[in-house]
Amino acid sequence: MKVLRLQPSTDTLNCLITACGKAGQLDRAFAIFEYMLDEGDAFKIPTLTTFNYLIREARRAGDHAKALGVLDRLQEINADTIFRR
């Protein structure tokens, strides 16, 4: 996508998070999430769906501490700034 100068949307990144989780690459899924937070782009804002996917994939991997960490992160970010699509 970078070569073509295309910007991924939140939906695209959410799909990548799910795909990484299903492939057992939980660290990569969380790296995508951090990318979404660092970009500050309105088209890459994590939604409640993003947080749900992260929690689901962390639970699927048996990493309950990471799943709970996602909830903590949601509170840090301030849930009011996260919107539902």
Protein backbone atom coordinates (compact mmCIF):
# COMPACT_ATOMS: atom_id res chain seq x y z
CA MET A 1 0.00 0.00 0.00
CA LYS A 2 2.86 2.36 0.74
CA VAL A 3 4.29 1.90 -2.74
CA LEU A 4 0.95 2.94 -4.23
CA ARG A 5 0.60 5.73 -1.64
CA LEU A 6 -2.67 4.31 -0.39
CA GLN A 7 -3.77 4.92 3.17
CA PRO A 8 -5.47 2.05 5.00
CA SER A 9 -8.80 2.78 6.64
CA THR A 10 -9.83 1.77 10.14
CA ASP A 11 -11.81 -1.11 8.63
CA THR A 12 -8.76 -2.37 6.74
CA LEU A 13 -6.61 -2.20 9.85
CA ASN A 14 -9.30 -3.97 11.90
CA CYS A 15 -9.25 -6.79 9.34
CA LEU A 16 -5.47 -6.98 9.67
CA ILE A 17 -5.74 -7.17 13.46
CA THR A 18 -8.15 -10.09 13.16
CA ALA A 19 -6.02 -11.85 10.54
CA CYS A 20 -2.88 -11.49 12.66
CA GLY A 21 -4.70 -12.81 15.71
CA LYS A 22 -6.01 -15.83 13.82
CA ALA A 23 -2.50 -16.49 12.49
CA GLY A 24 -1.11 -16.50 16.03
CA GLN A 25 0.71 -13.19 15.56
CA LEU A 26 -0.73 -11.33 18.51
CA ASP A 27 2.27 -9.02 18.81
CA ARG A 28 1.76 -7.90 15.22
CA ALA A 29 -1.95 -7.28 15.90
CA PHE A 30 -1.01 -5.01 18.80
CA ALA A 31 1.62 -3.26 16.67
CA ILE A 32 -1.12 -2.39 14.16
CA PHE A 33 -3.20 -1.01 17.03
CA GLU A 34 -0.28 1.16 18.18
CA TYR A 35 0.15 2.37 14.60
CA MET A 36 -3.49 3.44 14.61
CA LEU A 37 -2.97 5.42 17.82
CA ASP A 38 0.28 7.01 16.69
CA GLU A 39 -0.95 8.15 13.30
CA GLY A 40 -3.58 10.55 14.61
CA ASP A 41 -5.36 10.30 11.27
CA ALA A 42 -9.15 10.56 11.38
CA PHE A 43 -9.41 7.59 9.00
CA LYS A 44 -7.36 5.36 11.32
CA ILE A 45 -9.00 6.08 14.67
CA PRO A 46 -9.55 2.87 16.63
CA THR A 47 -13.25 2.20 17.16
CA LEU A 48 -14.97 0.07 19.77
CA THR A 49 -14.82 -2.68 17.16
CA THR A 50 -11.02 -2.39 17.15
CA PHE A 51 -10.90 -2.85 20.91
CA ASN A 52 -13.31 -5.78 20.72
CA TYR A 53 -11.16 -7.49 18.09
CA LEU A 54 -8.02 -7.03 20.19
CA ILE A 55 -9.70 -8.46 23.27
CA ARG A 56 -11.07 -11.40 21.29
CA GLU A 57 -7.71 -12.22 19.70
CA ALA A 58 -5.86 -11.91 23.02
CA ARG A 59 -8.37 -14.27 24.65
CA ARG A 60 -8.10 -16.66 21.70
CA ALA A 61 -4.34 -16.72 22.22
CA GLY A 62 -4.84 -17.38 25.93
CA ASP A 63 -3.25 -14.07 26.90
CA HIS A 64 -5.83 -12.82 29.37
CA ALA A 65 -3.49 -10.19 30.77
CA LYS A 66 -3.27 -8.56 27.33
CA ALA A 67 -7.05 -8.71 26.98
CA LEU A 68 -7.43 -6.88 30.29
CA GLY A 69 -4.71 -4.46 29.20
CA VAL A 70 -6.87 -3.48 26.23
CA LEU A 71 -9.64 -2.47 28.62
CA ASP A 72 -7.17 -0.39 30.63
CA ARG A 73 -5.97 1.23 27.43
CA LEU A 74 -9.53 2.09 26.47
CA GLN A 75 -9.96 3.91 29.77
CA GLU A 76 -6.64 5.75 29.30
CA ILE A 77 -7.60 6.92 25.84
CA ASN A 78 -10.98 8.08 27.13
CA ALA A 79 -13.85 6.07 25.72
CA ASP A 80 -15.69 9.28 24.80
CA THR A 81 -13.21 9.90 22.00
CA ILE A 82 -13.82 6.46 20.51
CA PHE A 83 -16.88 6.22 18.36
CA ARG A 84 -18.95 3.31 17.13
CA ARG A 85 -19.51 2.82 13.44
